[in-house]
N, C-alpha and C. Protein backbone atom coordinates (compact mmCIF):
# COMPACT_ATOMS: atom_id res chain seq x y z
N UNK A 1 -3.31 24.09 -18.10
CA UNK A 1 -2.39 23.39 -17.24
C UNK A 1 -1.63 24.35 -16.32
N UNK A 2 -1.33 25.54 -16.81
CA UNK A 2 -0.56 26.48 -15.99
C UNK A 2 -1.29 26.82 -14.70
N UNK A 3 -2.61 26.93 -14.78
CA UNK A 3 -3.38 27.23 -13.57
C UNK A 3 -3.29 26.10 -12.57
N UNK A 4 -3.14 24.85 -13.04
CA UNK A 4 -3.02 23.72 -12.13
C UNK A 4 -1.68 23.70 -11.40
N UNK A 5 -0.68 24.35 -11.97
CA UNK A 5 0.66 24.30 -11.40
C UNK A 5 0.83 25.23 -10.20
N UNK A 6 -0.10 26.13 -9.94
CA UNK A 6 0.05 27.11 -8.87
C UNK A 6 -1.12 27.06 -7.93
N UNK A 7 -0.98 27.39 -6.69
CA UNK A 7 0.28 27.56 -5.96
C UNK A 7 0.89 26.21 -5.58
N UNK A 8 2.20 26.20 -5.32
CA UNK A 8 2.93 24.95 -5.06
C UNK A 8 2.43 24.22 -3.82
N UNK A 9 1.96 24.93 -2.82
CA UNK A 9 1.50 24.29 -1.59
C UNK A 9 0.15 23.59 -1.77
N UNK A 10 -0.53 23.86 -2.87
CA UNK A 10 -1.86 23.29 -3.09
C UNK A 10 -1.83 21.77 -3.09
N UNK A 11 -0.88 21.16 -3.81
CA UNK A 11 -0.86 19.70 -3.92
C UNK A 11 -0.56 19.02 -2.60
N UNK A 12 0.48 19.43 -1.86
CA UNK A 12 0.70 18.79 -0.55
C UNK A 12 -0.48 18.99 0.40
N UNK A 13 -1.08 20.18 0.37
CA UNK A 13 -2.23 20.44 1.24
C UNK A 13 -3.40 19.54 0.86
N UNK A 14 -3.61 19.37 -0.44
CA UNK A 14 -4.71 18.50 -0.91
C UNK A 14 -4.46 17.05 -0.51
N UNK A 15 -3.20 16.60 -0.59
CA UNK A 15 -2.87 15.23 -0.19
C UNK A 15 -3.06 15.05 1.31
N UNK A 16 -2.66 16.03 2.10
CA UNK A 16 -2.88 15.95 3.55
C UNK A 16 -4.37 15.92 3.88
N UNK A 17 -5.15 16.74 3.19
CA UNK A 17 -6.60 16.75 3.37
C UNK A 17 -7.19 15.38 3.01
N UNK A 18 -6.72 14.80 1.91
CA UNK A 18 -7.17 13.48 1.48
C UNK A 18 -6.81 12.43 2.54
N UNK A 19 -5.58 12.48 3.06
CA UNK A 19 -5.16 11.52 4.09
C UNK A 19 -6.03 11.64 5.34
N UNK A 20 -6.33 12.88 5.73
CA UNK A 20 -7.20 13.09 6.90
C UNK A 20 -8.60 12.56 6.62
N UNK A 21 -9.10 12.79 5.41
CA UNK A 21 -10.42 12.27 5.04
C UNK A 21 -10.44 10.75 5.05
N UNK A 22 -9.38 10.13 4.51
CA UNK A 22 -9.29 8.67 4.52
C UNK A 22 -9.29 8.16 5.96
N UNK A 23 -8.50 8.79 6.82
CA UNK A 23 -8.45 8.38 8.22
C UNK A 23 -9.83 8.52 8.87
N UNK A 24 -10.53 9.60 8.56
CA UNK A 24 -11.87 9.79 9.10
C UNK A 24 -12.84 8.71 8.64
N UNK A 25 -12.77 8.35 7.37
CA UNK A 25 -13.64 7.28 6.86
C UNK A 25 -13.32 5.96 7.55
N UNK A 26 -12.03 5.65 7.68
CA UNK A 26 -11.63 4.40 8.33
C UNK A 26 -12.09 4.37 9.79
N UNK A 27 -11.96 5.48 10.48
CA UNK A 27 -12.45 5.54 11.86
C UNK A 27 -13.96 5.35 11.91
N UNK A 28 -14.68 5.97 10.98
CA UNK A 28 -16.14 5.81 10.92
C UNK A 28 -16.53 4.37 10.61
N UNK A 29 -15.66 3.64 9.91
CA UNK A 29 -15.91 2.23 9.61
C UNK A 29 -15.62 1.34 10.81
N UNK A 30 -15.08 1.92 11.88
CA UNK A 30 -14.79 1.14 13.08
C UNK A 30 -13.38 0.60 13.16
N UNK A 31 -12.50 1.06 12.28
CA UNK A 31 -11.10 0.61 12.33
C UNK A 31 -10.44 1.15 13.59
N UNK A 32 -9.52 0.38 14.14
CA UNK A 32 -8.75 0.81 15.31
C UNK A 32 -7.83 1.96 14.91
N UNK A 33 -7.74 3.02 15.71
CA UNK A 33 -6.84 4.12 15.35
C UNK A 33 -5.37 3.67 15.34
N UNK A 34 -4.99 2.91 16.37
CA UNK A 34 -3.64 2.35 16.46
C UNK A 34 -3.77 0.88 16.82
N UNK A 35 -2.66 0.20 16.89
CA UNK A 35 -2.66 -1.21 17.26
C UNK A 35 -3.39 -1.41 18.59
N UNK A 36 -4.19 -2.46 18.67
CA UNK A 36 -4.89 -2.78 19.93
C UNK A 36 -3.91 -3.05 21.05
N UNK A 37 -2.63 -3.29 20.71
CA UNK A 37 -1.60 -3.51 21.73
C UNK A 37 -1.28 -2.23 22.50
N UNK A 38 -1.74 -1.09 21.97
CA UNK A 38 -1.56 0.19 22.65
C UNK A 38 -0.30 0.96 22.29
N UNK A 39 0.48 0.42 21.36
CA UNK A 39 1.71 1.11 20.96
C UNK A 39 1.70 1.35 19.45
N UNK A 40 2.56 2.27 19.04
CA UNK A 40 2.81 2.49 17.61
C UNK A 40 4.30 2.27 17.42
N UNK A 41 4.63 1.25 16.64
CA UNK A 41 6.04 0.94 16.39
C UNK A 41 6.41 1.39 14.97
N UNK A 42 7.68 1.73 14.80
CA UNK A 42 8.18 2.07 13.47
C UNK A 42 8.14 0.83 12.58
N UNK A 43 8.53 -0.33 13.12
CA UNK A 43 8.61 -1.56 12.33
C UNK A 43 8.03 -2.72 13.11
N UNK A 44 7.25 -3.54 12.43
CA UNK A 44 6.78 -4.80 13.01
C UNK A 44 6.99 -5.87 11.94
N UNK A 45 7.89 -6.81 12.20
CA UNK A 45 8.30 -7.76 11.18
C UNK A 45 7.63 -9.12 11.22
N UNK A 46 6.80 -9.39 12.22
CA UNK A 46 6.14 -10.70 12.29
C UNK A 46 4.86 -10.67 11.47
N UNK A 47 4.84 -11.45 10.37
CA UNK A 47 3.71 -11.42 9.45
C UNK A 47 2.50 -12.12 10.05
N UNK A 48 2.69 -13.31 10.60
CA UNK A 48 1.58 -14.07 11.19
C UNK A 48 1.40 -13.66 12.65
N UNK A 49 0.94 -12.44 12.81
CA UNK A 49 0.82 -11.84 14.14
C UNK A 49 -0.36 -10.89 14.13
N UNK A 50 -1.06 -10.76 15.25
CA UNK A 50 -2.16 -9.80 15.30
C UNK A 50 -1.70 -8.35 15.17
N UNK A 51 -0.39 -8.12 15.29
CA UNK A 51 0.13 -6.76 15.14
C UNK A 51 0.56 -6.44 13.70
N UNK A 52 0.45 -7.42 12.79
CA UNK A 52 0.78 -7.14 11.40
C UNK A 52 -0.23 -6.14 10.83
N UNK A 53 0.23 -5.22 10.05
CA UNK A 53 -0.60 -4.16 9.45
C UNK A 53 -1.21 -3.24 10.50
N UNK A 54 -0.52 -3.10 11.62
CA UNK A 54 -1.01 -2.24 12.70
C UNK A 54 -0.06 -1.08 13.01
N UNK A 55 1.15 -1.16 12.51
CA UNK A 55 2.18 -0.17 12.84
C UNK A 55 2.59 0.63 11.60
N UNK A 56 3.64 1.42 11.71
CA UNK A 56 4.04 2.31 10.62
C UNK A 56 4.64 1.57 9.43
N UNK A 57 5.36 0.50 9.68
CA UNK A 57 5.96 -0.27 8.59
C UNK A 57 5.98 -1.74 8.95
N UNK A 58 5.85 -2.56 7.90
CA UNK A 58 5.89 -4.01 8.05
C UNK A 58 6.32 -4.60 6.72
N UNK A 59 6.24 -5.89 6.57
CA UNK A 59 6.70 -6.52 5.33
C UNK A 59 5.82 -6.20 4.13
N UNK A 60 4.66 -5.58 4.36
CA UNK A 60 3.82 -5.18 3.23
C UNK A 60 4.05 -3.72 2.82
N UNK A 61 4.86 -2.99 3.56
CA UNK A 61 5.19 -1.61 3.19
C UNK A 61 5.88 -1.53 1.83
N UNK A 62 6.79 -2.47 1.49
CA UNK A 62 7.37 -2.41 0.15
C UNK A 62 6.33 -2.50 -0.97
N UNK A 63 5.24 -3.24 -0.74
CA UNK A 63 4.17 -3.30 -1.75
C UNK A 63 3.59 -1.93 -2.00
N UNK A 64 3.42 -1.15 -0.96
CA UNK A 64 2.86 0.19 -1.12
C UNK A 64 3.87 1.12 -1.80
N UNK A 65 5.15 0.93 -1.51
CA UNK A 65 6.17 1.69 -2.21
C UNK A 65 6.13 1.35 -3.71
N UNK A 66 5.93 0.08 -4.02
CA UNK A 66 5.81 -0.34 -5.42
C UNK A 66 4.56 0.26 -6.05
N UNK A 67 3.47 0.38 -5.29
CA UNK A 67 2.28 1.07 -5.82
C UNK A 67 2.71 2.44 -6.34
N UNK A 68 3.51 3.16 -5.56
CA UNK A 68 3.95 4.49 -5.97
C UNK A 68 4.76 4.46 -7.25
N UNK A 69 5.66 3.47 -7.38
CA UNK A 69 6.44 3.34 -8.61
C UNK A 69 5.51 3.11 -9.80
N UNK A 70 4.53 2.23 -9.62
CA UNK A 70 3.60 1.90 -10.71
C UNK A 70 2.68 3.06 -11.04
N UNK A 71 2.16 3.73 -10.00
CA UNK A 71 1.26 4.86 -10.24
C UNK A 71 1.99 5.98 -10.96
N UNK A 72 3.26 6.23 -10.57
CA UNK A 72 4.02 7.27 -11.25
C UNK A 72 4.15 6.94 -12.74
N UNK A 73 4.54 5.70 -13.05
CA UNK A 73 4.71 5.29 -14.44
C UNK A 73 3.40 5.41 -15.22
N UNK A 74 2.32 4.93 -14.63
CA UNK A 74 1.03 4.97 -15.32
C UNK A 74 0.56 6.40 -15.55
N UNK A 75 0.67 7.23 -14.53
CA UNK A 75 0.19 8.61 -14.66
C UNK A 75 1.10 9.45 -15.55
N UNK A 76 2.38 9.12 -15.57
CA UNK A 76 3.27 9.83 -16.49
C UNK A 76 2.91 9.49 -17.94
N UNK A 77 2.52 8.24 -18.17
CA UNK A 77 2.13 7.82 -19.52
C UNK A 77 0.77 8.41 -19.92
N UNK A 78 -0.16 8.43 -18.99
CA UNK A 78 -1.53 8.87 -19.30
C UNK A 78 -1.68 10.39 -19.26
N UNK A 79 -1.01 11.03 -18.31
CA UNK A 79 -1.11 12.49 -18.13
C UNK A 79 0.28 13.13 -18.13
N UNK A 80 1.02 13.03 -19.23
CA UNK A 80 2.41 13.50 -19.23
C UNK A 80 2.57 15.00 -19.00
N UNK A 81 1.55 15.78 -19.33
CA UNK A 81 1.67 17.24 -19.18
C UNK A 81 1.12 17.75 -17.85
N UNK A 82 0.49 16.88 -17.08
CA UNK A 82 -0.06 17.29 -15.78
C UNK A 82 1.09 17.55 -14.81
N UNK A 83 0.93 18.52 -13.94
CA UNK A 83 1.97 18.78 -12.94
C UNK A 83 2.20 17.55 -12.06
N UNK A 84 3.42 17.40 -11.60
CA UNK A 84 3.78 16.28 -10.74
C UNK A 84 2.85 16.22 -9.52
N UNK A 85 2.53 17.39 -8.96
CA UNK A 85 1.66 17.42 -7.79
C UNK A 85 0.27 16.90 -8.09
N UNK A 86 -0.25 17.21 -9.25
CA UNK A 86 -1.58 16.71 -9.64
C UNK A 86 -1.55 15.20 -9.79
N UNK A 87 -0.47 14.69 -10.39
CA UNK A 87 -0.35 13.24 -10.55
C UNK A 87 -0.19 12.56 -9.19
N UNK A 88 0.55 13.20 -8.27
CA UNK A 88 0.70 12.64 -6.92
C UNK A 88 -0.65 12.63 -6.19
N UNK A 89 -1.45 13.65 -6.40
CA UNK A 89 -2.78 13.68 -5.78
C UNK A 89 -3.67 12.57 -6.34
N UNK A 90 -3.62 12.35 -7.65
CA UNK A 90 -4.41 11.27 -8.24
C UNK A 90 -3.95 9.92 -7.70
N UNK A 91 -2.64 9.72 -7.63
CA UNK A 91 -2.10 8.48 -7.07
C UNK A 91 -2.54 8.30 -5.62
N UNK A 92 -2.55 9.39 -4.87
CA UNK A 92 -2.99 9.34 -3.47
C UNK A 92 -4.46 8.99 -3.35
N UNK A 93 -5.24 9.51 -4.26
CA UNK A 93 -6.67 9.20 -4.27
C UNK A 93 -6.90 7.70 -4.53
N UNK A 94 -6.16 7.15 -5.48
CA UNK A 94 -6.27 5.71 -5.77
C UNK A 94 -5.83 4.90 -4.56
N UNK A 95 -4.71 5.27 -3.96
CA UNK A 95 -4.20 4.54 -2.79
C UNK A 95 -5.18 4.64 -1.62
N UNK A 96 -5.72 5.82 -1.39
CA UNK A 96 -6.68 6.01 -0.29
C UNK A 96 -7.94 5.18 -0.53
N UNK A 97 -8.39 5.15 -1.78
CA UNK A 97 -9.57 4.34 -2.10
C UNK A 97 -9.28 2.87 -1.83
N UNK A 98 -8.09 2.40 -2.19
CA UNK A 98 -7.73 1.01 -1.90
C UNK A 98 -7.68 0.77 -0.40
N UNK A 99 -7.09 1.68 0.36
CA UNK A 99 -7.00 1.49 1.81
C UNK A 99 -8.39 1.37 2.44
N UNK A 100 -9.33 2.15 1.95
CA UNK A 100 -10.71 2.05 2.46
C UNK A 100 -11.32 0.72 2.03
N UNK A 101 -11.19 0.37 0.75
CA UNK A 101 -11.75 -0.89 0.25
C UNK A 101 -11.13 -2.08 0.95
N UNK A 102 -9.81 -2.04 1.15
CA UNK A 102 -9.08 -3.14 1.78
C UNK A 102 -9.58 -3.41 3.20
N UNK A 103 -10.14 -2.43 3.84
CA UNK A 103 -10.57 -2.56 5.22
C UNK A 103 -12.08 -2.76 5.37
N UNK A 104 -12.74 -3.07 4.27
CA UNK A 104 -14.15 -3.45 4.36
C UNK A 104 -14.25 -4.91 4.78
N UNK A 105 -15.37 -5.27 5.37
CA UNK A 105 -15.56 -6.65 5.80
C UNK A 105 -15.40 -7.63 4.65
N UNK A 106 -15.91 -7.28 3.47
CA UNK A 106 -15.84 -8.19 2.32
C UNK A 106 -14.40 -8.48 1.91
N UNK A 107 -13.56 -7.45 1.85
CA UNK A 107 -12.17 -7.66 1.43
C UNK A 107 -11.38 -8.37 2.53
N UNK A 108 -11.61 -8.02 3.78
CA UNK A 108 -10.94 -8.71 4.89
C UNK A 108 -11.29 -10.20 4.84
N UNK A 109 -12.56 -10.50 4.62
CA UNK A 109 -13.00 -11.89 4.52
C UNK A 109 -12.30 -12.59 3.34
N UNK A 110 -12.18 -11.88 2.22
CA UNK A 110 -11.51 -12.44 1.04
C UNK A 110 -10.04 -12.73 1.33
N UNK A 111 -9.36 -11.82 2.02
CA UNK A 111 -7.97 -12.05 2.41
C UNK A 111 -7.86 -13.33 3.23
N UNK A 112 -8.75 -13.50 4.20
CA UNK A 112 -8.72 -14.68 5.07
C UNK A 112 -8.97 -15.96 4.29
N UNK A 113 -9.89 -15.90 3.33
CA UNK A 113 -10.27 -17.10 2.57
C UNK A 113 -9.24 -17.47 1.51
N UNK A 114 -8.67 -16.49 0.83
CA UNK A 114 -7.91 -16.76 -0.38
C UNK A 114 -6.40 -16.60 -0.24
N UNK A 115 -5.93 -15.93 0.79
CA UNK A 115 -4.50 -15.66 0.91
C UNK A 115 -3.95 -16.32 2.16
N UNK A 116 -2.66 -16.08 2.40
CA UNK A 116 -2.04 -16.64 3.60
C UNK A 116 -2.39 -15.84 4.86
N UNK A 117 -3.17 -14.79 4.71
CA UNK A 117 -3.51 -13.91 5.84
C UNK A 117 -4.71 -14.45 6.62
N UNK A 118 -4.55 -15.64 7.19
CA UNK A 118 -5.67 -16.32 7.83
C UNK A 118 -6.27 -15.53 8.98
N UNK A 119 -5.44 -14.85 9.79
CA UNK A 119 -5.95 -14.11 10.93
C UNK A 119 -6.07 -12.62 10.70
N UNK A 120 -6.00 -12.20 9.44
CA UNK A 120 -6.03 -10.77 9.12
C UNK A 120 -7.34 -10.14 9.58
N UNK A 121 -7.22 -9.04 10.29
CA UNK A 121 -8.41 -8.33 10.79
C UNK A 121 -8.53 -6.93 10.22
N UNK A 122 -7.67 -6.58 9.29
CA UNK A 122 -7.68 -5.24 8.72
C UNK A 122 -6.54 -4.42 9.30
N UNK A 123 -6.35 -3.25 8.70
CA UNK A 123 -5.27 -2.36 9.11
C UNK A 123 -5.75 -1.39 10.20
N UNK A 124 -4.81 -0.96 11.03
CA UNK A 124 -5.12 0.17 11.91
C UNK A 124 -5.12 1.43 11.04
N UNK A 125 -5.72 2.48 11.54
CA UNK A 125 -5.74 3.73 10.78
C UNK A 125 -4.33 4.27 10.60
N UNK A 126 -3.51 4.17 11.63
CA UNK A 126 -2.13 4.67 11.50
C UNK A 126 -1.38 3.87 10.43
N UNK A 127 -1.63 2.58 10.31
CA UNK A 127 -0.99 1.78 9.28
C UNK A 127 -1.47 2.20 7.89
N UNK A 128 -2.77 2.45 7.75
CA UNK A 128 -3.29 2.88 6.44
C UNK A 128 -2.71 4.22 6.02
N UNK A 129 -2.59 5.15 6.97
CA UNK A 129 -2.00 6.45 6.65
C UNK A 129 -0.52 6.26 6.29
N UNK A 130 0.17 5.39 7.03
CA UNK A 130 1.57 5.10 6.70
C UNK A 130 1.68 4.46 5.32
N UNK A 131 0.74 3.56 4.98
CA UNK A 131 0.76 2.94 3.65
C UNK A 131 0.63 4.01 2.56
N UNK A 132 -0.21 5.00 2.78
CA UNK A 132 -0.31 6.11 1.84
C UNK A 132 1.03 6.83 1.74
N UNK A 133 1.68 7.01 2.87
CA UNK A 133 3.01 7.63 2.88
C UNK A 133 4.05 6.80 2.13
N UNK A 134 4.00 5.47 2.28
CA UNK A 134 4.92 4.60 1.55
C UNK A 134 4.67 4.71 0.05
N UNK A 135 3.40 4.77 -0.34
CA UNK A 135 3.10 4.93 -1.76
C UNK A 135 3.69 6.25 -2.27
N UNK A 136 3.52 7.32 -1.50
CA UNK A 136 4.07 8.62 -1.92
C UNK A 136 5.59 8.58 -1.99
N UNK A 137 6.22 7.84 -1.09
CA UNK A 137 7.69 7.69 -1.15
C UNK A 137 8.09 7.01 -2.46
N UNK A 138 7.36 5.97 -2.84
CA UNK A 138 7.63 5.29 -4.10
C UNK A 138 7.40 6.20 -5.30
N UNK A 139 6.32 6.98 -5.23
CA UNK A 139 6.00 7.93 -6.30
C UNK A 139 7.13 8.96 -6.43
N UNK A 140 7.58 9.49 -5.31
CA UNK A 140 8.66 10.48 -5.31
C UNK A 140 9.94 9.87 -5.86
N UNK A 141 10.27 8.64 -5.40
CA UNK A 141 11.48 7.99 -5.91
C UNK A 141 11.40 7.81 -7.43
N UNK A 142 10.25 7.35 -7.92
CA UNK A 142 10.09 7.15 -9.36
C UNK A 142 10.24 8.46 -10.13
N UNK A 143 9.84 9.57 -9.50
CA UNK A 143 9.97 10.86 -10.18
C UNK A 143 11.43 11.32 -10.26
N UNK A 144 12.28 10.74 -9.43
CA UNK A 144 13.70 11.14 -9.37
C UNK A 144 14.63 10.14 -10.06
N UNK A 145 14.22 8.88 -10.10
CA UNK A 145 15.07 7.83 -10.65
C UNK A 145 14.85 7.64 -12.14
N UNK A 146 15.86 7.17 -12.85
CA UNK A 146 15.61 6.76 -14.23
C UNK A 146 14.64 5.57 -14.22
N UNK A 147 13.91 5.39 -15.28
CA UNK A 147 12.89 4.34 -15.34
C UNK A 147 13.49 2.97 -15.03
N UNK A 148 14.67 2.67 -15.57
CA UNK A 148 15.27 1.36 -15.33
C UNK A 148 15.54 1.14 -13.84
N UNK A 149 15.92 2.19 -13.12
CA UNK A 149 16.20 2.06 -11.69
C UNK A 149 14.91 1.81 -10.91
N UNK A 150 13.82 2.41 -11.33
CA UNK A 150 12.53 2.14 -10.69
C UNK A 150 12.13 0.68 -10.89
N UNK A 151 12.36 0.17 -12.10
CA UNK A 151 12.05 -1.24 -12.39
C UNK A 151 12.90 -2.16 -11.52
N UNK A 152 14.20 -1.88 -11.46
CA UNK A 152 15.10 -2.70 -10.65
C UNK A 152 14.68 -2.64 -9.18
N UNK A 153 14.38 -1.45 -8.68
CA UNK A 153 13.96 -1.32 -7.29
C UNK A 153 12.69 -2.13 -7.03
N UNK A 154 11.71 -2.03 -7.91
CA UNK A 154 10.47 -2.79 -7.73
C UNK A 154 10.71 -4.29 -7.73
N UNK A 155 11.54 -4.77 -8.65
CA UNK A 155 11.84 -6.21 -8.72
C UNK A 155 12.58 -6.66 -7.46
N UNK A 156 13.56 -5.88 -7.02
CA UNK A 156 14.31 -6.24 -5.81
C UNK A 156 13.38 -6.30 -4.60
N UNK A 157 12.51 -5.31 -4.45
CA UNK A 157 11.58 -5.31 -3.32
C UNK A 157 10.66 -6.54 -3.36
N UNK A 158 10.18 -6.88 -4.55
CA UNK A 158 9.33 -8.07 -4.71
C UNK A 158 10.08 -9.34 -4.33
N UNK A 159 11.33 -9.46 -4.80
CA UNK A 159 12.11 -10.67 -4.52
C UNK A 159 12.48 -10.80 -3.05
N UNK A 160 12.83 -9.68 -2.42
CA UNK A 160 13.16 -9.72 -0.99
C UNK A 160 11.94 -10.16 -0.18
N UNK A 161 10.79 -9.56 -0.44
CA UNK A 161 9.58 -9.95 0.29
C UNK A 161 9.24 -11.41 0.03
N UNK A 162 9.39 -11.85 -1.21
CA UNK A 162 9.11 -13.25 -1.55
C UNK A 162 10.03 -14.19 -0.77
N UNK A 163 11.31 -13.83 -0.70
CA UNK A 163 12.28 -14.68 0.00
C UNK A 163 12.04 -14.70 1.51
N UNK A 164 11.66 -13.57 2.07
CA UNK A 164 11.55 -13.46 3.53
C UNK A 164 10.19 -13.94 4.03
N UNK A 165 9.10 -13.54 3.39
CA UNK A 165 7.77 -13.86 3.93
C UNK A 165 6.91 -14.70 2.99
N UNK A 166 7.46 -15.12 1.85
CA UNK A 166 6.71 -15.91 0.88
C UNK A 166 5.46 -15.18 0.38
N UNK A 167 5.55 -13.88 0.30
CA UNK A 167 4.44 -13.08 -0.19
C UNK A 167 5.02 -11.79 -0.75
N UNK A 168 4.28 -11.17 -1.66
CA UNK A 168 4.66 -9.88 -2.21
C UNK A 168 3.45 -9.31 -2.94
N UNK A 169 3.62 -8.19 -3.60
CA UNK A 169 2.50 -7.54 -4.28
C UNK A 169 1.93 -8.44 -5.37
N UNK A 170 2.78 -9.03 -6.19
CA UNK A 170 2.29 -9.87 -7.29
C UNK A 170 1.48 -11.05 -6.76
N UNK A 171 2.00 -11.76 -5.77
CA UNK A 171 1.27 -12.90 -5.21
C UNK A 171 -0.01 -12.46 -4.52
N UNK A 172 0.04 -11.32 -3.86
CA UNK A 172 -1.14 -10.80 -3.19
C UNK A 172 -2.27 -10.56 -4.18
N UNK A 173 -1.94 -9.95 -5.31
CA UNK A 173 -2.95 -9.68 -6.35
C UNK A 173 -3.48 -10.99 -6.93
N UNK A 174 -2.56 -11.90 -7.26
CA UNK A 174 -2.99 -13.20 -7.81
C UNK A 174 -3.93 -13.90 -6.85
N UNK A 175 -3.54 -13.96 -5.59
CA UNK A 175 -4.33 -14.72 -4.61
C UNK A 175 -5.67 -14.05 -4.30
N UNK A 176 -5.73 -12.74 -4.40
CA UNK A 176 -7.01 -12.06 -4.18
C UNK A 176 -7.96 -12.27 -5.35
N UNK A 177 -7.42 -12.21 -6.57
CA UNK A 177 -8.27 -12.30 -7.76
C UNK A 177 -8.54 -13.73 -8.21
N UNK A 178 -7.54 -14.58 -8.12
CA UNK A 178 -7.68 -15.95 -8.62
C UNK A 178 -6.80 -16.85 -7.76
N UNK A 179 -7.30 -17.27 -6.61
CA UNK A 179 -6.49 -18.07 -5.68
C UNK A 179 -5.97 -19.37 -6.32
N UNK A 180 -4.71 -19.63 -6.09
CA UNK A 180 -4.08 -20.84 -6.58
C UNK A 180 -3.70 -21.69 -5.36
N UNK A 181 -4.35 -22.84 -5.18
CA UNK A 181 -4.07 -23.66 -3.99
C UNK A 181 -2.59 -23.99 -3.81
N UNK A 182 -1.88 -24.24 -4.89
CA UNK A 182 -0.46 -24.58 -4.76
C UNK A 182 0.34 -23.40 -4.18
N UNK A 183 -0.01 -22.18 -4.57
CA UNK A 183 0.68 -21.00 -4.01
C UNK A 183 0.36 -20.88 -2.53
N UNK A 184 -0.91 -21.05 -2.18
CA UNK A 184 -1.29 -20.93 -0.77
C UNK A 184 -0.58 -21.98 0.07
N UNK A 185 -0.49 -23.23 -0.43
CA UNK A 185 0.22 -24.28 0.30
C UNK A 185 1.70 -23.93 0.46
N UNK A 186 2.32 -23.41 -0.62
CA UNK A 186 3.72 -23.03 -0.54
C UNK A 186 3.91 -21.90 0.47
N UNK A 187 3.00 -20.90 0.43
CA UNK A 187 3.10 -19.78 1.38
C UNK A 187 2.97 -20.26 2.82
N UNK A 188 2.15 -21.26 3.03
CA UNK A 188 1.96 -21.81 4.38
C UNK A 188 3.06 -22.76 4.78
N UNK A 189 4.02 -23.02 3.86
CA UNK A 189 5.12 -23.91 4.16
C UNK A 189 4.79 -25.37 3.97
N UNK A 190 3.71 -25.63 3.26
CA UNK A 190 3.27 -27.02 3.06
C UNK A 190 3.88 -27.65 1.81
N UNK A 191 4.46 -26.80 0.95
CA UNK A 191 4.96 -27.34 -0.30
C UNK A 191 6.46 -27.29 -0.46
N UNK A 192 7.19 -27.13 0.61
CA UNK A 192 8.64 -27.15 0.50
C UNK A 192 9.29 -25.84 0.45
């Protein structure tokens, strides 16, 4: 393990290399580098918009931050003696793999069929890289906060997203894996 802990710059460099590789794969898949609107915004808050998942942050960014909280907890439990940087790299690898999978035609089609994301066309590359950054922010926060504070933060983020956009990480997972018509109707505003 001691050999894994050195040098300190290795882990951030490996994560940057991974992010660049993910971006390259997404570009090779035909993903737009930035929003087709021609701009890169810090925040885009309209969920039912062609610009959703195209900018640096949106209402799904908290889900990626929660990924970081969850990955930190899981990796701390599974690899407690591994250096923090190694665990962050593993978490980044999982997040990058999801970003690539999420932008395949099959998953985009699944989002359109099973979730409230009827017009979803996939993420821009800049959004996917930002999502990786949001996950790392969550991972870093979890490494600094007491466990109870990470749980509270995750629950608050889920509840805020639920209240504002009728969607969050938990509903997203449920609707992708096992769509519930009543949830979809409620998300669309058909159920009150």
